[in-house]
Amino acid sequence: MPPFESFDFKEIQDKLSHSLRPWQRSFQFWVRAVDIYTGYKACQVRVCFVKDLQKQEVMWEQQHELAAQKIYAMCSELGGFFLKIAQIVGKPDLAPAAWVRRLVTLCDRAPATPFEAVQRVLERELGQSIGEMFESFGANPIGSASIAQVHRARLRGDNTDVVVKVQHPGVEELMMTDIHNVQAFAYYLQKTDIMFDLLSVTKEMEKQIGYEFDFAREADAMDRIRQFLYKNNKKSPVVVPRLLHDMVTRKVLVMEYIDGTPILNLGDEIAKRGINPGGKIAAAAKQNILKSLTLAYGQMILKSGFFHADPHPGNILICKGSEVALLDYGQVKDLPDKLRLGYANLVLAIADSDPMKVKESFRELGIGTVSKCENEQQELFKLAETLFDTKLPPGVTMLQPFSEESSIKKIAVQSFPEELFSVLRSVHLLRGLSVGLGINFSCAEQWRPIAEEALYVAGRLRDKDQKFRVGRQRFFRRSNRRH
């Protein structure tokens, strides 16, 4: 038996701490989630005893403020998957204003990994010291997200600045723990409050996030999307960074540095240039930015089926001349042709305001619904707009899934294809950007010709049908101009 002094208590302590960490994390999540949820249920009961609508609104606003503080604390302290939850939920059209004000700041502010740990990962993955590879390397990250952080560096023997993306050590196990906890909570919510197949949504998130830990896969996706967009346009609607292929591994990715302003800081940047943020010039610039970004997504989703599935504000830079740069290709989706073409049909149905075609498209896509109201067709169309268009339905300024007047309450979504979630998420993030920029913009209307082309190429739309649609669009545009 080895002497007592030979036991490495520090090593044993570290191993024990590592094995207990997922359990501690699960406990922290459930304590906080139950606290936030029961706070809302208690407020729901209290509001029932108050008849004054203004007082009800004040009560809900107070509850939103309290919940926003708790959600922000949970997401910022636990990090990991909860930062992605903050990105999805913290949008002006979906969440209460109090939530948005707090959560929007979490897009790119995950806790940073110390430089020493980053250096160990980098040198182990690339097989050289930092000094051998880089003339200069910024020790402080320029951004830190849930899975990785990025540093600005300059290559040795080159004047080119690059971005070095390095994975946080040990993050994969914790993210999977987070996802399984959220799945359990989502299953409870869909059985009690939100009549939507949330479990399928979280399963697709688990699959997509699992891919994000392989940076070599991300590099391939970036190359594929870059080639597609640059080949299909005289000028690509968005800038895609170039890779340094000999500096890509599963945990490290090096790409060109793109100088630009984060889209969240666009208003401040416009004001710095002496332009009125609420004036016509700023409005035109915002419109161009949104059109470029949405055009890129329409082409990727409907023509290719292979698309960047994470257009949250932290991944979008505005460069000189209102050019849009799209960053971070960890989450991409390769949509099967059946869903791609089914979604093209749904885009046409929404753009044409055709409730019957919406119903057919839902059936084709495998979206199972059960009506709980008399005017089923109108509510189903409203649900389609709510889920799959960036323009909110008339009279709707913010989605309220808990409200009895919500289309999700009136039309229960009992089954939702997991693979379609990435489309849903991308559309909702684009809607969040359009609302944030102050533009009520319909991606379905912009995507109509792209959807028609996709269906025509697949032999599902006759040439004369397409010409008829184009002619009808021109007629209505001329009529609108005359009026």
Protein backbone atom coordinates (compact mmCIF):
# COMPACT_ATOMS: atom_id res chain seq x y z
CA MET A 1 0.00 0.00 0.00
CA PRO A 2 1.45 3.43 -0.98
CA PRO A 3 2.35 5.81 1.84
CA PHE A 4 -0.30 8.30 2.96
CA GLU A 5 1.64 11.24 1.52
CA SER A 6 1.50 9.82 -2.05
CA PHE A 7 -2.26 10.50 -2.44
CA ASP A 8 -2.93 13.58 -4.55
CA PHE A 9 -5.87 15.09 -2.66
CA LYS A 10 -6.03 18.03 -5.08
CA GLU A 11 -6.52 15.66 -8.03
CA ILE A 12 -9.19 13.68 -6.14
CA GLN A 13 -10.95 16.91 -5.18
CA ASP A 14 -10.91 18.14 -8.81
CA LYS A 15 -12.33 14.83 -10.09
CA LEU A 16 -15.07 14.86 -7.44
CA SER A 17 -15.93 18.46 -8.22
CA HIS A 18 -16.06 17.65 -11.96
CA SER A 19 -18.39 14.66 -11.43
CA LEU A 20 -20.72 16.68 -9.16
CA ARG A 21 -20.87 19.73 -11.40
CA PRO A 22 -23.74 18.52 -13.65
CA TRP A 23 -25.84 17.69 -10.54
CA GLN A 24 -25.14 21.09 -9.00
CA ARG A 25 -26.01 22.77 -12.28
CA SER A 26 -29.28 20.86 -12.59
CA PHE A 27 -30.23 21.82 -9.04
CA GLN A 28 -29.50 25.50 -9.72
CA PHE A 29 -31.60 25.46 -12.89
CA TRP A 30 -34.66 23.81 -11.35
CA VAL A 31 -34.67 26.05 -8.26
CA ARG A 32 -34.56 29.17 -10.47
CA ALA A 33 -36.96 27.92 -13.17
CA VAL A 34 -39.61 26.90 -10.61
CA ASP A 35 -39.24 30.26 -8.84
CA ILE A 36 -39.77 32.22 -12.09
CA TYR A 37 -42.66 30.02 -13.25
CA THR A 38 -44.55 30.09 -9.92
CA GLY A 39 -44.11 33.89 -9.81
CA TYR A 40 -46.03 34.16 -13.09
CA LYS A 41 -48.71 31.69 -12.03
CA ALA A 42 -49.24 33.64 -8.78
CA CYS A 43 -49.49 36.90 -10.74
CA GLN A 44 -52.01 35.26 -13.08
CA VAL A 45 -54.22 34.45 -10.07
CA ARG A 46 -53.86 37.95 -8.52
CA VAL A 47 -54.78 39.64 -11.80
CA CYS A 48 -58.11 37.73 -11.87
CA PHE A 49 -59.26 39.67 -8.80
CA VAL A 50 -58.51 43.08 -10.36
CA LYS A 51 -61.06 44.53 -12.80
CA ASP A 52 -59.20 47.71 -13.79
CA LEU A 53 -57.24 46.96 -17.00
CA GLN A 54 -54.59 49.60 -16.29
CA LYS A 55 -53.94 48.12 -12.86
CA GLN A 56 -53.67 44.68 -14.47
CA GLU A 57 -51.05 46.00 -16.91
CA VAL A 58 -49.07 47.56 -14.04
CA MET A 59 -49.15 44.25 -12.16
CA TRP A 60 -47.91 42.33 -15.19
CA GLU A 61 -45.18 44.90 -15.85
CA GLN A 62 -43.95 44.58 -12.26
CA GLN A 63 -43.91 40.80 -12.64
CA HIS A 64 -41.98 41.07 -15.94
CA GLU A 65 -39.38 43.33 -14.29
CA LEU A 66 -38.91 40.90 -11.40
CA ALA A 67 -38.71 37.90 -13.73
CA ALA A 68 -36.28 39.71 -16.05
CA GLN A 69 -33.82 40.18 -13.19
CA LYS A 70 -34.07 36.50 -12.24
CA ILE A 71 -33.76 35.24 -15.83
CA TYR A 72 -30.80 37.53 -16.48
CA ALA A 73 -29.08 36.30 -13.31
CA MET A 74 -29.67 32.65 -14.26
CA CYS A 75 -28.44 33.05 -17.84
CA SER A 76 -25.39 35.16 -17.00
CA GLU A 77 -24.30 33.08 -13.98
CA LEU A 78 -24.90 29.62 -15.48
CA GLY A 79 -23.84 30.60 -19.01
CA GLY A 80 -23.66 27.70 -21.48
CA PHE A 81 -26.95 26.77 -23.10
CA PHE A 82 -28.84 29.44 -21.14
CA LEU A 83 -27.08 32.15 -23.14
CA LYS A 84 -28.63 30.62 -26.27
CA ILE A 85 -32.02 30.62 -24.53
CA ALA A 86 -31.49 34.34 -23.83
CA GLN A 87 -30.74 34.94 -27.53
CA ILE A 88 -33.95 33.18 -28.61
CA VAL A 89 -36.28 34.63 -25.99
CA GLY A 90 -34.90 38.17 -25.69
CA LYS A 91 -36.49 39.58 -28.85
CA PRO A 92 -38.80 42.62 -29.01
CA ASP A 93 -41.67 40.73 -30.67
CA LEU A 94 -41.62 37.70 -28.38
CA ALA A 95 -40.67 38.74 -24.87
CA PRO A 96 -41.92 41.51 -22.57
CA ALA A 97 -39.96 44.76 -22.92
CA ALA A 98 -38.42 44.26 -19.44
CA TRP A 99 -36.96 40.91 -20.55
CA VAL A 100 -35.61 42.34 -23.81
CA ARG A 101 -33.84 45.23 -22.05
CA ARG A 102 -32.01 42.76 -19.82
CA LEU A 103 -31.42 39.77 -22.12
CA VAL A 104 -30.33 41.61 -25.27
CA THR A 105 -27.03 42.47 -23.54
CA LEU A 106 -26.14 38.77 -23.18
CA CYS A 107 -25.59 38.09 -26.91
CA ASP A 108 -21.82 38.12 -26.75
CA ARG A 109 -21.00 38.34 -23.05
CA ALA A 110 -20.39 34.81 -21.82
CA PRO A 111 -17.76 34.46 -19.07
CA ALA A 112 -14.34 34.37 -20.71
CA THR A 113 -11.90 31.46 -20.37
CA PRO A 114 -8.55 32.64 -18.88
CA PHE A 115 -5.82 33.26 -21.45
CA GLU A 116 -3.60 30.46 -20.07
CA ALA A 117 -6.32 27.88 -20.76
CA VAL A 118 -6.92 29.33 -24.24
CA GLN A 119 -3.21 29.12 -24.97
CA ARG A 120 -3.08 25.44 -23.92
CA VAL A 121 -6.01 24.53 -26.20
CA LEU A 122 -4.59 26.54 -29.11
CA GLU A 123 -1.08 25.13 -28.92
CA ARG A 124 -2.29 21.54 -28.38
CA GLU A 125 -4.65 21.75 -31.36
CA LEU A 126 -2.31 23.48 -33.85
CA GLY A 127 0.98 21.90 -32.67
CA GLN A 128 2.93 25.16 -32.39
CA SER A 129 3.46 27.86 -29.79
CA ILE A 130 1.51 31.10 -30.06
CA GLY A 131 4.79 32.96 -30.68
CA GLU A 132 5.61 30.70 -33.63
CA MET A 133 2.20 31.23 -35.25
CA PHE A 134 1.36 34.84 -34.46
CA GLU A 135 3.25 38.12 -34.49
CA SER A 136 0.74 39.47 -31.96
CA PHE A 137 -2.16 37.88 -30.09
CA GLY A 138 -4.72 39.79 -28.01
CA ALA A 139 -4.89 38.15 -24.59
CA ASN A 140 -8.35 39.63 -23.93
CA PRO A 141 -11.12 38.17 -26.12
CA ILE A 142 -13.04 40.52 -28.43
CA GLY A 143 -16.11 38.37 -27.79
CA SER A 144 -17.09 35.38 -25.67
CA ALA A 145 -20.16 33.26 -26.40
CA SER A 146 -21.58 30.07 -24.91
CA ILE A 147 -19.30 27.60 -26.73
CA ALA A 148 -16.22 29.58 -27.68
CA GLN A 149 -14.47 32.92 -27.48
CA VAL A 150 -12.66 34.88 -30.17
CA HIS A 151 -9.36 36.75 -30.09
CA ARG A 152 -7.86 39.18 -32.57
CA ALA A 153 -4.37 38.30 -33.73
CA ARG A 154 -1.82 39.03 -36.47
CA LEU A 155 -0.13 36.19 -38.37
CA ARG A 156 3.65 35.93 -38.19
CA GLY A 157 5.29 37.30 -41.34
CA ASP A 158 2.01 38.82 -42.53
CA ASN A 159 0.22 42.14 -42.12
CA THR A 160 -3.15 40.41 -42.07
CA ASP A 161 -5.29 40.49 -38.93
CA VAL A 162 -7.25 37.35 -38.17
CA VAL A 163 -9.87 36.15 -35.71
CA VAL A 164 -8.99 33.07 -33.65
CA LYS A 165 -11.97 31.11 -32.33
CA VAL A 166 -11.18 28.78 -29.43
CA GLN A 167 -13.60 26.39 -27.71
CA HIS A 168 -14.12 26.73 -23.94
CA PRO A 169 -12.62 23.65 -22.22
CA GLY A 170 -15.23 21.25 -20.74
CA VAL A 171 -18.20 23.16 -22.15
CA GLU A 172 -19.75 20.27 -24.13
CA GLU A 173 -20.76 18.15 -21.11
CA LEU A 174 -22.32 21.12 -19.32
CA MET A 175 -24.30 22.20 -22.41
CA MET A 176 -25.80 18.73 -22.79
CA THR A 177 -26.83 18.76 -19.10
CA ASP A 178 -28.52 22.13 -19.62
CA ILE A 179 -30.40 20.95 -22.71
CA HIS A 180 -31.79 17.86 -20.97
CA ASN A 181 -33.06 19.99 -18.08
CA VAL A 182 -34.70 22.46 -20.47
CA GLN A 183 -36.29 19.55 -22.38
CA ALA A 184 -37.97 18.32 -19.20
CA PHE A 185 -39.24 21.82 -18.40
CA ALA A 186 -40.44 22.32 -22.01
CA TYR A 187 -42.40 19.05 -21.84
CA TYR A 188 -44.14 20.26 -18.67
CA LEU A 189 -45.00 23.65 -20.23
CA GLN A 190 -46.49 22.12 -23.39
CA LYS A 191 -48.73 19.91 -21.26
CA THR A 192 -49.95 22.79 -19.08
CA ASP A 193 -49.65 26.32 -20.52
CA ILE A 194 -48.27 26.57 -24.05
CA MET A 195 -50.11 24.47 -26.62
CA PHE A 196 -47.09 23.91 -28.84
CA ASP A 197 -44.80 20.92 -29.42
CA LEU A 198 -41.90 22.39 -27.43
CA LEU A 199 -40.25 19.00 -26.85
CA SER A 200 -39.57 18.50 -30.58
CA VAL A 201 -38.14 22.02 -30.69
CA THR A 202 -35.69 21.28 -27.86
CA LYS A 203 -34.70 17.95 -29.43
CA GLU A 204 -33.75 19.73 -32.65
CA MET A 205 -31.81 22.28 -30.59
CA GLU A 206 -29.91 19.41 -28.95
CA LYS A 207 -28.99 18.00 -32.35
CA GLN A 208 -27.93 21.38 -33.77
CA ILE A 209 -25.91 22.45 -30.75
CA GLY A 210 -24.14 19.07 -30.75
CA TYR A 211 -22.75 20.00 -34.17
CA GLU A 212 -21.35 23.31 -32.86
CA PHE A 213 -18.56 21.58 -30.98
CA ASP A 214 -16.88 20.52 -34.25
CA PHE A 215 -15.17 23.58 -35.75
CA ALA A 216 -13.95 21.56 -38.78
CA ARG A 217 -17.62 21.00 -39.64
CA GLU A 218 -18.27 24.71 -39.15
CA ALA A 219 -15.43 25.55 -41.55
CA ASP A 220 -16.91 23.27 -44.23
CA ALA A 221 -20.32 24.92 -43.74
CA MET A 222 -18.82 28.41 -44.03
CA ASP A 223 -17.07 27.48 -47.28
CA ARG A 224 -20.23 25.90 -48.73
CA ILE A 225 -22.45 28.89 -47.92
CA ARG A 226 -19.84 31.38 -49.12
CA GLN A 227 -19.51 29.61 -52.49
CA PHE A 228 -23.31 29.36 -52.89
CA LEU A 229 -24.00 33.04 -52.17
CA TYR A 230 -21.09 34.34 -54.24
CA LYS A 231 -22.02 32.06 -57.18
CA ASN A 232 -25.76 32.91 -57.16
CA ASN A 233 -25.39 36.70 -57.03
CA LYS A 234 -23.41 39.35 -58.92
CA LYS A 235 -22.60 40.59 -55.45
CA SER A 236 -23.30 38.46 -52.39
CA PRO A 237 -26.00 40.04 -50.18
CA VAL A 238 -23.85 39.29 -47.12
CA VAL A 239 -20.10 39.08 -46.47
CA VAL A 240 -18.88 35.63 -45.37
CA PRO A 241 -15.39 35.53 -43.77
CA ARG A 242 -12.57 33.67 -45.53
CA LEU A 243 -10.96 30.76 -43.71
CA LEU A 244 -7.33 29.84 -43.13
CA HIS A 245 -7.76 26.15 -43.92
CA ASP A 246 -4.43 25.04 -42.46
CA MET A 247 -5.45 26.51 -39.08
CA VAL A 248 -8.73 24.67 -38.51
CA THR A 249 -9.25 21.80 -36.07
CA ARG A 250 -12.19 20.47 -34.05
CA LYS A 251 -11.61 23.09 -31.32
CA VAL A 252 -9.84 25.95 -33.11
CA LEU A 253 -10.84 27.98 -36.16
CA VAL A 254 -8.88 30.89 -37.69
CA MET A 255 -10.50 33.25 -40.22
CA GLU A 256 -10.07 36.75 -41.67
CA TYR A 257 -10.85 39.69 -39.42
CA ILE A 258 -13.80 41.78 -40.64
CA ASP A 259 -14.03 45.34 -39.40
CA GLY A 260 -17.58 46.41 -38.66
CA THR A 261 -20.14 47.65 -36.14
CA PRO A 262 -22.31 45.14 -34.24
CA ILE A 263 -25.89 45.61 -35.39
CA LEU A 264 -26.96 46.31 -31.79
CA ASN A 265 -24.72 49.42 -31.84
CA LEU A 266 -25.99 50.64 -35.22
CA GLY A 267 -28.06 53.51 -33.77
CA ASP A 268 -25.08 54.88 -31.81
CA GLU A 269 -22.82 54.55 -34.85
CA ILE A 270 -25.29 56.43 -37.06
CA ALA A 271 -25.54 59.23 -34.48
CA LYS A 272 -21.69 59.44 -34.27
CA ARG A 273 -21.60 60.16 -37.99
CA GLY A 274 -23.91 63.12 -37.49
CA ILE A 275 -26.94 61.41 -39.06
CA ASN A 276 -30.35 61.60 -37.40
CA PRO A 277 -31.11 58.00 -36.26
CA GLY A 278 -34.82 58.66 -36.86
CA GLY A 279 -34.37 60.40 -40.22
CA LYS A 280 -34.83 59.26 -43.82
CA ILE A 281 -31.14 58.46 -44.44
CA ALA A 282 -30.97 56.19 -41.39
CA ALA A 283 -34.30 54.57 -42.32
CA ALA A 284 -33.05 53.81 -45.84
CA ALA A 285 -29.80 52.32 -44.48
CA LYS A 286 -31.74 50.08 -42.06
CA GLN A 287 -34.09 48.98 -44.84
CA ASN A 288 -31.11 48.04 -47.05
CA ILE A 289 -29.46 46.12 -44.22
CA LEU A 290 -32.61 44.15 -43.49
CA LYS A 291 -33.28 43.44 -47.20
CA SER A 292 -29.73 42.17 -47.75
CA LEU A 293 -29.84 39.87 -44.76
CA THR A 294 -33.32 38.56 -45.54
CA LEU A 295 -32.46 38.02 -49.22
CA ALA A 296 -29.47 35.89 -48.21
CA TYR A 297 -31.72 33.78 -45.97
CA GLY A 298 -34.40 33.40 -48.64
CA GLN A 299 -31.81 32.10 -51.11
CA MET A 300 -30.15 29.79 -48.59
CA ILE A 301 -33.38 28.26 -47.24
CA LEU A 302 -35.49 28.02 -50.41
CA LYS A 303 -32.93 27.52 -53.20
CA SER A 304 -30.17 25.61 -51.42
CA GLY A 305 -31.81 24.18 -48.28
CA PHE A 306 -28.42 24.59 -46.56
CA PHE A 307 -28.42 27.69 -44.38
CA HIS A 308 -26.88 29.58 -41.48
CA ALA A 309 -29.36 28.95 -38.65
CA ASP A 310 -28.27 31.49 -36.04
CA PRO A 311 -28.85 35.10 -37.18
CA HIS A 312 -28.91 36.60 -33.69
CA PRO A 313 -27.58 40.17 -33.31
CA GLY A 314 -24.19 39.04 -31.97
CA ASN A 315 -23.48 37.33 -35.30
CA ILE A 316 -24.20 40.35 -37.52
CA LEU A 317 -21.77 43.18 -38.32
CA ILE A 318 -22.49 46.28 -40.37
CA CYS A 319 -19.49 47.28 -42.51
CA LYS A 320 -18.81 50.31 -44.69
CA GLY A 321 -21.55 51.22 -47.13
CA SER A 322 -24.22 49.34 -45.14
CA GLU A 323 -22.70 45.97 -46.09
CA VAL A 324 -23.79 43.12 -43.83
CA ALA A 325 -21.31 40.52 -42.55
CA LEU A 326 -22.71 37.24 -41.25
CA LEU A 327 -20.51 35.49 -38.68
CA ASP A 328 -20.44 32.17 -36.77
CA TYR A 329 -21.48 29.14 -38.83
CA GLY A 330 -21.61 26.68 -35.94
CA GLN A 331 -25.38 26.28 -36.36
CA VAL A 332 -26.31 25.36 -39.92
CA LYS A 333 -29.16 23.27 -41.25
CA ASP A 334 -29.40 21.04 -44.30
CA LEU A 335 -33.14 20.96 -45.02
CA PRO A 336 -34.49 17.92 -46.90
CA ASP A 337 -36.02 18.80 -50.29
CA LYS A 338 -39.48 17.69 -49.13
CA LEU A 339 -39.45 20.29 -46.32
CA ARG A 340 -37.70 22.92 -48.45
CA LEU A 341 -40.38 22.73 -51.15
CA GLY A 342 -43.19 22.39 -48.62
CA TYR A 343 -41.93 25.56 -46.97
CA ALA A 344 -41.78 27.28 -50.39
CA ASN A 345 -45.50 26.48 -50.77
CA LEU A 346 -46.18 27.94 -47.32
CA VAL A 347 -44.28 31.13 -48.21
CA LEU A 348 -46.50 31.57 -51.29
CA ALA A 349 -49.63 30.91 -49.20
CA ILE A 350 -48.66 33.60 -46.67
CA ALA A 351 -47.59 36.08 -49.36
CA ASP A 352 -50.88 35.49 -51.23
CA SER A 353 -52.98 35.66 -48.02
CA ASP A 354 -54.47 32.24 -48.83
CA PRO A 355 -55.77 30.44 -45.68
CA MET A 356 -56.76 27.27 -47.59
CA LYS A 357 -53.26 26.93 -49.03
CA VAL A 358 -51.79 27.51 -45.57
CA LYS A 359 -53.82 24.57 -44.27
CA GLU A 360 -52.59 22.38 -47.16
CA SER A 361 -48.98 23.48 -46.59
CA PHE A 362 -49.17 22.71 -42.87
CA ARG A 363 -50.41 19.23 -43.73
CA GLU A 364 -47.62 18.76 -46.31
CA LEU A 365 -44.98 19.89 -43.79
CA GLY A 366 -46.31 17.55 -41.08
CA ILE A 367 -47.43 20.34 -38.73
CA GLY A 368 -50.34 18.81 -36.80
CA THR A 369 -52.89 21.26 -35.39
CA VAL A 370 -56.17 21.06 -33.47
CA SER A 371 -58.58 23.99 -33.59
CA LYS A 372 -60.20 25.35 -30.43
CA CYS A 373 -62.17 28.14 -32.09
CA GLU A 374 -64.93 28.78 -34.63
CA ASN A 375 -62.98 30.86 -37.19
CA GLU A 376 -60.38 28.13 -37.73
CA GLN A 377 -59.12 29.27 -41.14
CA GLN A 378 -58.44 32.86 -40.07
CA GLU A 379 -56.70 31.76 -36.87
CA LEU A 380 -54.64 29.15 -38.75
CA PHE A 381 -53.49 31.82 -41.20
CA LYS A 382 -52.66 34.14 -38.30
CA LEU A 383 -50.67 31.31 -36.70
CA ALA A 384 -48.75 30.78 -39.97
CA GLU A 385 -47.87 34.49 -40.08
CA THR A 386 -46.89 34.40 -36.40
CA LEU A 387 -44.61 31.39 -36.88
CA PHE A 388 -43.18 31.90 -40.36
CA ASP A 389 -43.23 35.56 -41.40
CA THR A 390 -41.19 38.47 -40.08
CA LYS A 391 -44.22 40.77 -40.40
CA LEU A 392 -46.49 40.48 -37.37
CA PRO A 393 -50.21 39.87 -38.03
CA PRO A 394 -52.44 43.01 -38.02
CA GLY A 395 -53.04 44.32 -34.51
CA VAL A 396 -50.25 42.22 -32.97
CA THR A 397 -47.28 44.14 -31.57
CA MET A 398 -45.79 41.37 -29.44
CA LEU A 399 -46.34 37.62 -29.20
CA GLN A 400 -48.03 36.54 -25.96
CA PRO A 401 -48.11 32.70 -25.87
CA PHE A 402 -49.80 32.70 -22.42
CA SER A 403 -52.63 35.00 -23.56
CA GLU A 404 -56.02 33.43 -24.22
CA GLU A 405 -56.25 35.55 -27.40
CA SER A 406 -53.00 34.11 -28.80
CA SER A 407 -53.37 32.03 -31.96
CA ILE A 408 -51.17 29.39 -30.27
CA LYS A 409 -53.89 29.05 -27.62
CA LYS A 410 -56.69 28.87 -30.20
CA ILE A 411 -54.87 26.51 -32.58
CA ALA A 412 -52.91 23.90 -30.62
CA VAL A 413 -49.77 22.69 -32.43
CA GLN A 414 -49.62 19.03 -31.42
CA SER A 415 -46.79 17.96 -33.72
CA PHE A 416 -44.05 20.00 -35.31
CA PRO A 417 -41.22 18.57 -37.49
CA GLU A 418 -37.96 18.85 -35.59
CA GLU A 419 -36.03 19.73 -38.77
CA LEU A 420 -38.29 22.73 -39.39
CA PHE A 421 -37.33 24.35 -36.09
CA SER A 422 -34.17 25.92 -37.60
CA VAL A 423 -36.34 27.70 -40.20
CA LEU A 424 -38.71 28.85 -37.47
CA ARG A 425 -35.85 30.13 -35.32
CA SER A 426 -34.17 31.94 -38.21
CA VAL A 427 -37.42 33.68 -39.18
CA HIS A 428 -38.03 34.72 -35.57
CA LEU A 429 -34.51 36.10 -35.18
CA LEU A 430 -34.95 38.04 -38.44
CA ARG A 431 -38.26 39.34 -37.11
CA GLY A 432 -36.54 40.44 -33.90
CA LEU A 433 -34.05 42.41 -35.99
CA SER A 434 -36.80 44.02 -38.07
CA VAL A 435 -38.75 45.02 -34.95
CA GLY A 436 -35.52 46.30 -33.35
CA LEU A 437 -34.80 48.40 -36.45
CA GLY A 438 -38.35 49.75 -36.38
CA ILE A 439 -39.37 48.16 -39.72
CA ASN A 440 -42.47 45.97 -40.13
CA PHE A 441 -41.02 43.86 -42.94
CA SER A 442 -42.47 40.71 -44.57
CA CYS A 443 -39.92 38.07 -45.52
CA ALA A 444 -42.73 36.05 -47.18
CA GLU A 445 -43.37 38.88 -49.65
CA GLN A 446 -39.66 39.28 -50.38
CA TRP A 447 -39.20 35.52 -50.74
CA ARG A 448 -42.19 34.97 -53.06
CA PRO A 449 -40.13 34.99 -56.34
CA ILE A 450 -37.45 32.79 -54.74
CA ALA A 451 -40.12 30.30 -53.60
CA GLU A 452 -41.67 30.32 -57.10
CA GLU A 453 -38.28 29.66 -58.70
CA ALA A 454 -37.59 26.78 -56.29
CA LEU A 455 -40.97 25.17 -57.05
CA TYR A 456 -40.60 25.76 -60.81
CA VAL A 457 -37.12 24.14 -60.90
CA ALA A 458 -38.56 21.16 -58.97
CA GLY A 459 -41.38 20.84 -61.54
CA ARG A 460 -44.06 21.79 -59.04
CA LEU A 461 -45.00 25.13 -60.59
CA ARG A 462 -45.82 25.56 -64.28
CA ASP A 463 -44.22 28.39 -66.22
CA LYS A 464 -47.57 30.04 -67.01
CA ASP A 465 -48.51 29.96 -63.30
CA GLN A 466 -45.34 31.81 -62.48
CA LYS A 467 -45.91 34.38 -65.24
CA PHE A 468 -49.48 34.87 -64.02
CA ARG A 469 -48.22 35.57 -60.50
CA VAL A 470 -45.59 38.03 -61.73
CA GLY A 471 -48.20 39.80 -63.88
CA ARG A 472 -50.64 39.99 -61.01
CA GLN A 473 -47.93 41.43 -58.70
CA ARG A 474 -47.10 44.14 -61.26
CA PHE A 475 -50.80 45.00 -61.66
CA PHE A 476 -51.30 45.41 -57.91
CA ARG A 477 -48.10 47.46 -57.57
CA ARG A 478 -49.30 49.84 -60.32
CA SER A 479 -52.75 50.03 -58.69
CA ASN A 480 -51.24 50.84 -55.32
CA ARG A 481 -49.09 53.58 -56.82
CA ARG A 482 -52.15 55.13 -58.52
CA HIS A 483 -54.03 55.14 -55.19
